[in-house]
Amino acid sequence: MDKKEIINKIFEFYRSHFGEINGALIGLIIAICVLVVGFFQTLFIAICVFLGYYIGKKISKDKNYIRNLLDRILPPGTYR
């Protein structure tokens, strides 16, 4: 077996089991974070990651999302 065949088999295995592999890796990362950092710090990191993902997704759909959000929160024209 040459290197290309081995690499192709590994990628084929990953493509057929990507959900299980990614889930196991995410679980391992979360477990390591809880053991090293602590539960509440890990929870805070997870919340920040989720908020960052959510805001990033909104910005990619609507380029003026931040401006509209600030208009709702602050008085109009305070940040311009």
PDB file of N, CA and C in Angstrom:
ATOM      1  N   MET A   1       0.838  -1.185   0.000  1.00  0.00           N
ATOM      2  CA  MET A   1       0.000   0.000   0.000  1.00  0.00           C
ATOM      3  C   MET A   1       0.878   1.242   0.000  1.00  0.00           C
ATOM      4  N   ASP A   2       0.587   2.160  -0.880  1.00  0.00           N
ATOM      5  CA  ASP A   2       1.367   3.396  -0.887  1.00  0.00           C
ATOM      6  C   ASP A   2       0.664   4.460  -0.055  1.00  0.00           C
ATOM      7  N   LYS A   3       1.324   5.581   0.099  1.00  0.00           N
ATOM      8  CA  LYS A   3       0.817   6.649   0.975  1.00  0.00           C
ATOM      9  C   LYS A   3      -0.507   7.204   0.483  1.00  0.00           C
ATOM     10  N   LYS A   4      -0.683   7.330  -0.828  1.00  0.00           N
ATOM     11  CA  LYS A   4      -1.934   7.886  -1.366  1.00  0.00           C
ATOM     12  C   LYS A   4      -3.126   7.007  -1.027  1.00  0.00           C
ATOM     13  N   GLU A   5      -2.954   5.693  -1.095  1.00  0.00           N
ATOM     14  CA  GLU A   5      -4.056   4.790  -0.766  1.00  0.00           C
ATOM     15  C   GLU A   5      -4.423   4.893   0.710  1.00  0.00           C
ATOM     16  N   ILE A   6      -3.422   4.985   1.560  1.00  0.00           N
ATOM     17  CA  ILE A   6      -3.674   5.098   3.002  1.00  0.00           C
ATOM     18  C   ILE A   6      -4.398   6.400   3.303  1.00  0.00           C
ATOM     19  N   ILE A   7      -3.945   7.499   2.708  1.00  0.00           N
ATOM     20  CA  ILE A   7      -4.586   8.800   2.929  1.00  0.00           C
ATOM     21  C   ILE A   7      -6.017   8.784   2.403  1.00  0.00           C
ATOM     22  N   ASN A   8      -6.233   8.183   1.237  1.00  0.00           N
ATOM     23  CA  ASN A   8      -7.591   8.091   0.681  1.00  0.00           C
ATOM     24  C   ASN A   8      -8.505   7.280   1.583  1.00  0.00           C
ATOM     25  N   LYS A   9      -7.989   6.183   2.159  1.00  0.00           N
ATOM     26  CA  LYS A   9      -8.811   5.361   3.057  1.00  0.00           C
ATOM     27  C   LYS A   9      -9.153   6.126   4.333  1.00  0.00           C
ATOM     28  N   ILE A  10      -8.194   6.905   4.846  1.00  0.00           N
ATOM     29  CA  ILE A  10      -8.460   7.698   6.048  1.00  0.00           C
ATOM     30  C   ILE A  10      -9.532   8.738   5.759  1.00  0.00           C
ATOM     31  N   PHE A  11      -9.423   9.456   4.627  1.00  0.00           N
ATOM     32  CA  PHE A  11     -10.434  10.455   4.272  1.00  0.00           C
ATOM     33  C   PHE A  11     -11.791   9.809   4.012  1.00  0.00           C
ATOM     34  N   GLU A  12     -11.796   8.642   3.399  1.00  0.00           N
ATOM     35  CA  GLU A  12     -13.058   7.940   3.157  1.00  0.00           C
ATOM     36  C   GLU A  12     -13.711   7.539   4.475  1.00  0.00           C
ATOM     37  N   PHE A  13     -12.893   7.056   5.418  1.00  0.00           N
ATOM     38  CA  PHE A  13     -13.419   6.700   6.737  1.00  0.00           C
ATOM     39  C   PHE A  13     -13.980   7.929   7.439  1.00  0.00           C
ATOM     40  N   TYR A  14     -13.253   9.052   7.353  1.00  0.00           N
ATOM     41  CA  TYR A  14     -13.723  10.284   7.993  1.00  0.00           C
ATOM     42  C   TYR A  14     -15.029  10.747   7.367  1.00  0.00           C
ATOM     43  N   ARG A  15     -15.120  10.720   6.026  1.00  0.00           N
ATOM     44  CA  ARG A  15     -16.353  11.162   5.361  1.00  0.00           C
ATOM     45  C   ARG A  15     -17.547  10.300   5.746  1.00  0.00           C
ATOM     46  N   SER A  16     -17.327   9.013   5.965  1.00  0.00           N
ATOM     47  CA  SER A  16     -18.446   8.141   6.307  1.00  0.00           C
ATOM     48  C   SER A  16     -18.814   8.215   7.788  1.00  0.00           C
ATOM     49  N   HIS A  17     -17.914   8.726   8.632  1.00  0.00           N
ATOM     50  CA  HIS A  17     -18.174   8.803  10.077  1.00  0.00           C
ATOM     51  C   HIS A  17     -17.859  10.183  10.640  1.00  0.00           C
ATOM     52  N   PHE A  18     -18.100  11.235   9.863  1.00  0.00           N
ATOM     53  CA  PHE A  18     -17.694  12.568  10.319  1.00  0.00           C
ATOM     54  C   PHE A  18     -18.473  13.029  11.536  1.00  0.00           C
ATOM     55  N   GLY A  19     -19.728  12.659  11.672  1.00  0.00           N
ATOM     56  CA  GLY A  19     -20.522  13.066  12.832  1.00  0.00           C
ATOM     57  C   GLY A  19     -19.990  12.479  14.124  1.00  0.00           C
ATOM     58  N   GLU A  20     -19.686  11.184  14.088  1.00  0.00           N
ATOM     59  CA  GLU A  20     -19.180  10.519  15.284  1.00  0.00           C
ATOM     60  C   GLU A  20     -17.800  11.051  15.674  1.00  0.00           C
ATOM     61  N   ILE A  21     -16.941  11.244  14.678  1.00  0.00           N
ATOM     62  CA  ILE A  21     -15.578  11.715  14.955  1.00  0.00           C
ATOM     63  C   ILE A  21     -15.611  13.139  15.490  1.00  0.00           C
ATOM     64  N   ASN A  22     -16.360  14.023  14.844  1.00  0.00           N
ATOM     65  CA  ASN A  22     -16.439  15.412  15.315  1.00  0.00           C
ATOM     66  C   ASN A  22     -17.077  15.490  16.692  1.00  0.00           C
ATOM     67  N   GLY A  23     -18.113  14.707  16.951  1.00  0.00           N
ATOM     68  CA  GLY A  23     -18.747  14.695  18.268  1.00  0.00           C
ATOM     69  C   GLY A  23     -17.800  14.232  19.357  1.00  0.00           C
ATOM     70  N   ALA A  24     -17.009  13.193  19.054  1.00  0.00           N
ATOM     71  CA  ALA A  24     -16.042  12.699  20.032  1.00  0.00           C
ATOM     72  C   ALA A  24     -14.962  13.736  20.298  1.00  0.00           C
ATOM     73  N   LEU A  25     -14.494  14.415  19.257  1.00  0.00           N
ATOM     74  CA  LEU A  25     -13.474  15.443  19.456  1.00  0.00           C
ATOM     75  C   LEU A  25     -14.009  16.622  20.259  1.00  0.00           C
ATOM     76  N   ILE A  26     -15.230  17.049  19.984  1.00  0.00           N
ATOM     77  CA  ILE A  26     -15.831  18.146  20.742  1.00  0.00           C
ATOM     78  C   ILE A  26     -16.010  17.740  22.206  1.00  0.00           C
ATOM     79  N   GLY A  27     -16.461  16.512  22.439  1.00  0.00           N
ATOM     80  CA  GLY A  27     -16.590  16.024  23.809  1.00  0.00           C
ATOM     81  C   GLY A  27     -15.263  15.968  24.533  1.00  0.00           C
ATOM     82  N   LEU A  28     -14.214  15.547  23.829  1.00  0.00           N
ATOM     83  CA  LEU A  28     -12.880  15.501  24.430  1.00  0.00           C
ATOM     84  C   LEU A  28     -12.392  16.902  24.780  1.00  0.00           C
ATOM     85  N   ILE A  29     -12.596  17.855  23.886  1.00  0.00           N
ATOM     86  CA  ILE A  29     -12.167  19.237  24.148  1.00  0.00           C
ATOM     87  C   ILE A  29     -12.922  19.824  25.332  1.00  0.00           C
ATOM     88  N   ILE A  30     -14.223  19.585  25.395  1.00  0.00           N
ATOM     89  CA  ILE A  30     -15.012  20.098  26.521  1.00  0.00           C
ATOM     90  C   ILE A  30     -14.564  19.457  27.834  1.00  0.00           C
ATOM     91  N   ALA A  31     -14.308  18.153  27.811  1.00  0.00           N
ATOM     92  CA  ALA A  31     -13.856  17.474  29.034  1.00  0.00           C
ATOM     93  C   ALA A  31     -12.515  18.013  29.502  1.00  0.00           C
ATOM     94  N   ILE A  32     -11.589  18.231  28.578  1.00  0.00           N
ATOM     95  CA  ILE A  32     -10.285  18.774  28.954  1.00  0.00           C
ATOM     96  C   ILE A  32     -10.440  20.181  29.526  1.00  0.00           C
ATOM     97  N   CYS A  33     -11.302  20.993  28.898  1.00  0.00           N
ATOM     98  CA  CYS A  33     -11.528  22.355  29.405  1.00  0.00           C
ATOM     99  C   CYS A  33     -12.115  22.337  30.810  1.00  0.00           C
ATOM    100  N   VAL A  34     -13.068  21.443  31.067  1.00  0.00           N
ATOM    101  CA  VAL A  34     -13.675  21.373  32.398  1.00  0.00           C
ATOM    102  C   VAL A  34     -12.637  20.941  33.427  1.00  0.00           C
ATOM    103  N   LEU A  35     -11.778  19.995  33.070  1.00  0.00           N
ATOM    104  CA  LEU A  35     -10.767  19.529  34.020  1.00  0.00           C
ATOM    105  C   LEU A  35      -9.680  20.567  34.265  1.00  0.00           C
ATOM    106  N   VAL A  36      -9.280  21.288  33.219  1.00  0.00           N
ATOM    107  CA  VAL A  36      -8.177  22.228  33.352  1.00  0.00           C
ATOM    108  C   VAL A  36      -8.653  23.588  33.866  1.00  0.00           C
ATOM    109  N   VAL A  37      -9.717  24.113  33.268  1.00  0.00           N
ATOM    110  CA  VAL A  37     -10.157  25.476  33.567  1.00  0.00           C
ATOM    111  C   VAL A  37     -11.207  25.502  34.662  1.00  0.00           C
ATOM    112  N   GLY A  38     -12.132  24.570  34.646  1.00  0.00           N
ATOM    113  CA  GLY A  38     -13.231  24.556  35.599  1.00  0.00           C
ATOM    114  C   GLY A  38     -14.555  24.618  34.865  1.00  0.00           C
ATOM    115  N   PHE A  39     -15.615  24.215  35.556  1.00  0.00           N
ATOM    116  CA  PHE A  39     -16.922  24.112  34.912  1.00  0.00           C
ATOM    117  C   PHE A  39     -17.475  25.465  34.492  1.00  0.00           C
ATOM    118  N   PHE A  40     -17.499  26.427  35.412  1.00  0.00           N
ATOM    119  CA  PHE A  40     -18.136  27.707  35.110  1.00  0.00           C
ATOM    120  C   PHE A  40     -17.332  28.517  34.091  1.00  0.00           C
ATOM    121  N   GLN A  41     -16.007  28.412  34.136  1.00  0.00           N
ATOM    122  CA  GLN A  41     -15.195  29.091  33.135  1.00  0.00           C
ATOM    123  C   GLN A  41     -15.423  28.469  31.753  1.00  0.00           C
ATOM    124  N   THR A  42     -15.544  27.139  31.714  1.00  0.00           N
ATOM    125  CA  THR A  42     -15.833  26.464  30.448  1.00  0.00           C
ATOM    126  C   THR A  42     -17.209  26.856  29.938  1.00  0.00           C
ATOM    127  N   LEU A  43     -18.173  26.964  30.833  1.00  0.00           N
ATOM    128  CA  LEU A  43     -19.516  27.395  30.437  1.00  0.00           C
ATOM    129  C   LEU A  43     -19.484  28.817  29.888  1.00  0.00           C
ATOM    130  N   PHE A  44     -18.716  29.696  30.533  1.00  0.00           N
ATOM    131  CA  PHE A  44     -18.572  31.066  30.047  1.00  0.00           C
ATOM    132  C   PHE A  44     -17.940  31.088  28.660  1.00  0.00           C
ATOM    133  N   ILE A  45     -16.911  30.285  28.430  1.00  0.00           N
ATOM    134  CA  ILE A  45     -16.272  30.210  27.118  1.00  0.00           C
ATOM    135  C   ILE A  45     -17.266  29.718  26.072  1.00  0.00           C
ATOM    136  N   ALA A  46     -18.055  28.704  26.413  1.00  0.00           N
ATOM    137  CA  ALA A  46     -19.039  28.163  25.470  1.00  0.00           C
ATOM    138  C   ALA A  46     -20.092  29.214  25.125  1.00  0.00           C
ATOM    139  N   ILE A  47     -20.535  29.981  26.101  1.00  0.00           N
ATOM    140  CA  ILE A  47     -21.525  31.035  25.843  1.00  0.00           C
ATOM    141  C   ILE A  47     -20.925  32.106  24.947  1.00  0.00           C
ATOM    142  N   CYS A  48     -19.681  32.493  25.193  1.00  0.00           N
ATOM    143  CA  CYS A  48     -19.021  33.503  24.346  1.00  0.00           C
ATOM    144  C   CYS A  48     -18.852  33.000  22.918  1.00  0.00           C
ATOM    145  N   VAL A  49     -18.486  31.728  22.759  1.00  0.00           N
ATOM    146  CA  VAL A  49     -18.345  31.158  21.421  1.00  0.00           C
ATOM    147  C   VAL A  49     -19.689  31.154  20.709  1.00  0.00           C
ATOM    148  N   PHE A  50     -20.752  30.764  21.413  1.00  0.00           N
ATOM    149  CA  PHE A  50     -22.077  30.748  20.808  1.00  0.00           C
ATOM    150  C   PHE A  50     -22.510  32.155  20.397  1.00  0.00           C
ATOM    151  N   LEU A  51     -22.308  33.137  21.263  1.00  0.00           N
ATOM    152  CA  LEU A  51     -22.673  34.514  20.923  1.00  0.00           C
ATOM    153  C   LEU A  51     -21.866  35.027  19.739  1.00  0.00           C
ATOM    154  N   GLY A  52     -20.574  34.706  19.703  1.00  0.00           N
ATOM    155  CA  GLY A  52     -19.745  35.101  18.576  1.00  0.00           C
ATOM    156  C   GLY A  52     -20.220  34.476  17.272  1.00  0.00           C
ATOM    157  N   TYR A  53     -20.583  33.204  17.337  1.00  0.00           N
ATOM    158  CA  TYR A  53     -21.118  32.528  16.156  1.00  0.00           C
ATOM    159  C   TYR A  53     -22.428  33.157  15.710  1.00  0.00           C
ATOM    160  N   TYR A  54     -23.314  33.427  16.661  1.00  0.00           N
ATOM    161  CA  TYR A  54     -24.626  33.997  16.350  1.00  0.00           C
ATOM    162  C   TYR A  54     -24.486  35.382  15.718  1.00  0.00           C
ATOM    163  N   ILE A  55     -23.660  36.229  16.312  1.00  0.00           N
ATOM    164  CA  ILE A  55     -23.471  37.583  15.778  1.00  0.00           C
ATOM    165  C   ILE A  55     -22.778  37.522  14.421  1.00  0.00           C
ATOM    166  N   GLY A  56     -21.794  36.645  14.273  1.00  0.00           N
ATOM    167  CA  GLY A  56     -21.124  36.495  12.990  1.00  0.00           C
ATOM    168  C   GLY A  56     -22.057  36.026  11.900  1.00  0.00           C
ATOM    169  N   LYS A  57     -22.962  35.122  12.242  1.00  0.00           N
ATOM    170  CA  LYS A  57     -23.940  34.638  11.271  1.00  0.00           C
ATOM    171  C   LYS A  57     -24.895  35.758  10.871  1.00  0.00           C
ATOM    172  N   LYS A  58     -25.316  36.561  11.833  1.00  0.00           N
ATOM    173  CA  LYS A  58     -26.199  37.693  11.541  1.00  0.00           C
ATOM    174  C   LYS A  58     -25.498  38.724  10.664  1.00  0.00           C
ATOM    175  N   ILE A  59     -24.209  38.986  10.943  1.00  0.00           N
ATOM    176  CA  ILE A  59     -23.457  39.971  10.162  1.00  0.00           C
ATOM    177  C   ILE A  59     -23.280  39.485   8.734  1.00  0.00           C
ATOM    178  N   SER A  60     -23.062  38.188   8.536  1.00  0.00           N
ATOM    179  CA  SER A  60     -22.873  37.684   7.179  1.00  0.00           C
ATOM    180  C   SER A  60     -24.163  37.765   6.369  1.00  0.00           C
ATOM    181  N   LYS A  61     -25.318  37.724   7.036  1.00  0.00           N
ATOM    182  CA  LYS A  61     -26.586  37.867   6.323  1.00  0.00           C
ATOM    183  C   LYS A  61     -26.947  39.333   6.108  1.00  0.00           C
ATOM    184  N   ASP A  62     -26.712  40.173   7.116  1.00  0.00           N
ATOM    185  CA  ASP A  62     -27.080  41.591   7.056  1.00  0.00           C
ATOM    186  C   ASP A  62     -25.861  42.410   7.450  1.00  0.00           C
ATOM    187  N   LYS A  63     -25.289  43.123   6.489  1.00  0.00           N
ATOM    188  CA  LYS A  63     -24.056  43.886   6.741  1.00  0.00           C
ATOM    189  C   LYS A  63     -24.271  45.029   7.730  1.00  0.00           C
ATOM    190  N   ASN A  64     -25.486  45.516   7.881  1.00  0.00           N
ATOM    191  CA  ASN A  64     -25.789  46.619   8.796  1.00  0.00           C
ATOM    192  C   ASN A  64     -26.356  46.129  10.122  1.00  0.00           C
ATOM    193  N   TYR A  65     -26.117  44.880  10.471  1.00  0.00           N
ATOM    194  CA  TYR A  65     -26.685  44.312  11.695  1.00  0.00           C
ATOM    195  C   TYR A  65     -26.196  45.048  12.938  1.00  0.00           C
ATOM    196  N   ILE A  66     -24.904  45.310  13.020  1.00  0.00           N
ATOM    197  CA  ILE A  66     -24.345  45.995  14.200  1.00  0.00           C
ATOM    198  C   ILE A  66     -24.925  47.399  14.312  1.00  0.00           C
ATOM    199  N   ARG A  67     -25.000  48.104  13.189  1.00  0.00           N
ATOM    200  CA  ARG A  67     -25.553  49.462  13.202  1.00  0.00           C
ATOM    201  C   ARG A  67     -27.024  49.445  13.642  1.00  0.00           C
ATOM    202  N   ASN A  68     -27.808  48.498  13.129  1.00  0.00           N
ATOM    203  CA  ASN A  68     -29.216  48.397  13.517  1.00  0.00           C
ATOM    204  C   ASN A  68     -29.350  48.007  14.992  1.00  0.00           C
ATOM    205  N   LEU A  69     -28.469  47.122  15.455  1.00  0.00           N
ATOM    206  CA  LEU A  69     -28.504  46.720  16.861  1.00  0.00           C
ATOM    207  C   LEU A  69     -28.184  47.905  17.764  1.00  0.00           C
ATOM    208  N   LEU A  70     -27.158  48.688  17.393  1.00  0.00           N
ATOM    209  CA  LEU A  70     -26.813  49.863  18.194  1.00  0.00           C
ATOM    210  C   LEU A  70     -27.911  50.916  18.157  1.00  0.00           C
ATOM    211  N   ASP A  71     -28.606  51.040  17.026  1.00  0.00           N
ATOM    212  CA  ASP A  71     -29.733  51.970  16.957  1.00  0.00           C
ATOM    213  C   ASP A  71     -30.845  51.586  17.935  1.00  0.00           C
ATOM    214  N   ARG A  72     -31.046  50.266  18.113  1.00  0.00           N
ATOM    215  CA  ARG A  72     -32.086  49.818  19.056  1.00  0.00           C
ATOM    216  C   ARG A  72     -31.648  50.014  20.515  1.00  0.00           C
ATOM    217  N   ILE A  73     -30.347  49.886  20.778  1.00  0.00           N
ATOM    218  CA  ILE A  73     -29.862  49.942  22.155  1.00  0.00           C
ATOM    219  C   ILE A  73     -29.578  51.385  22.581  1.00  0.00           C
ATOM    220  N   LEU A  74     -28.819  52.126  21.767  1.00  0.00           N
ATOM    221  CA  LEU A  74     -28.396  53.486  22.109  1.00  0.00           C
ATOM    222  C   LEU A  74     -29.325  54.515  21.471  1.00  0.00           C
ATOM    223  N   PRO A  75     -29.286  55.732  21.971  1.00  0.00           N
ATOM    224  CA  PRO A  75     -30.041  56.791  21.292  1.00  0.00           C
ATOM    225  C   PRO A  75     -29.496  56.985  19.869  1.00  0.00           C
ATOM    226  N   PRO A  76     -30.342  57.307  18.922  1.00  0.00           N
ATOM    227  CA  PRO A  76     -29.904  57.422  17.534  1.00  0.00           C
ATOM    228  C   PRO A  76     -28.796  58.467  17.364  1.00  0.00           C
ATOM    229  N   GLY A  77     -27.788  58.136  16.570  1.00  0.00           N
ATOM    230  CA  GLY A  77     -26.733  59.054  16.225  1.00  0.00           C
ATOM    231  C   GLY A  77     -25.607  59.187  17.240  1.00  0.00           C
ATOM    232  N   THR A  78     -25.597  58.394  18.306  1.00  0.00           N
ATOM    233  CA  THR A  78     -24.558  58.554  19.319  1.00  0.00           C
ATOM    234  C   THR A  78     -23.232  57.920  18.905  1.00  0.00           C
ATOM    235  N   TYR A  79     -23.233  56.977  18.002  1.00  0.00           N
ATOM    236  CA  TYR A  79     -21.990  56.307  17.615  1.00  0.00           C
ATOM    237  C   TYR A  79     -21.486  56.738  16.249  1.00  0.00           C
ATOM    238  N   ARG A  80     -22.129  57.644  15.595  1.00  0.00           N
ATOM    239  CA  ARG A  80     -21.713  58.056  14.237  1.00  0.00           C
ATOM    240  C   ARG A  80     -20.854  59.263  14.282  1.00  0.00           C
TER     241      ARG A  80
END
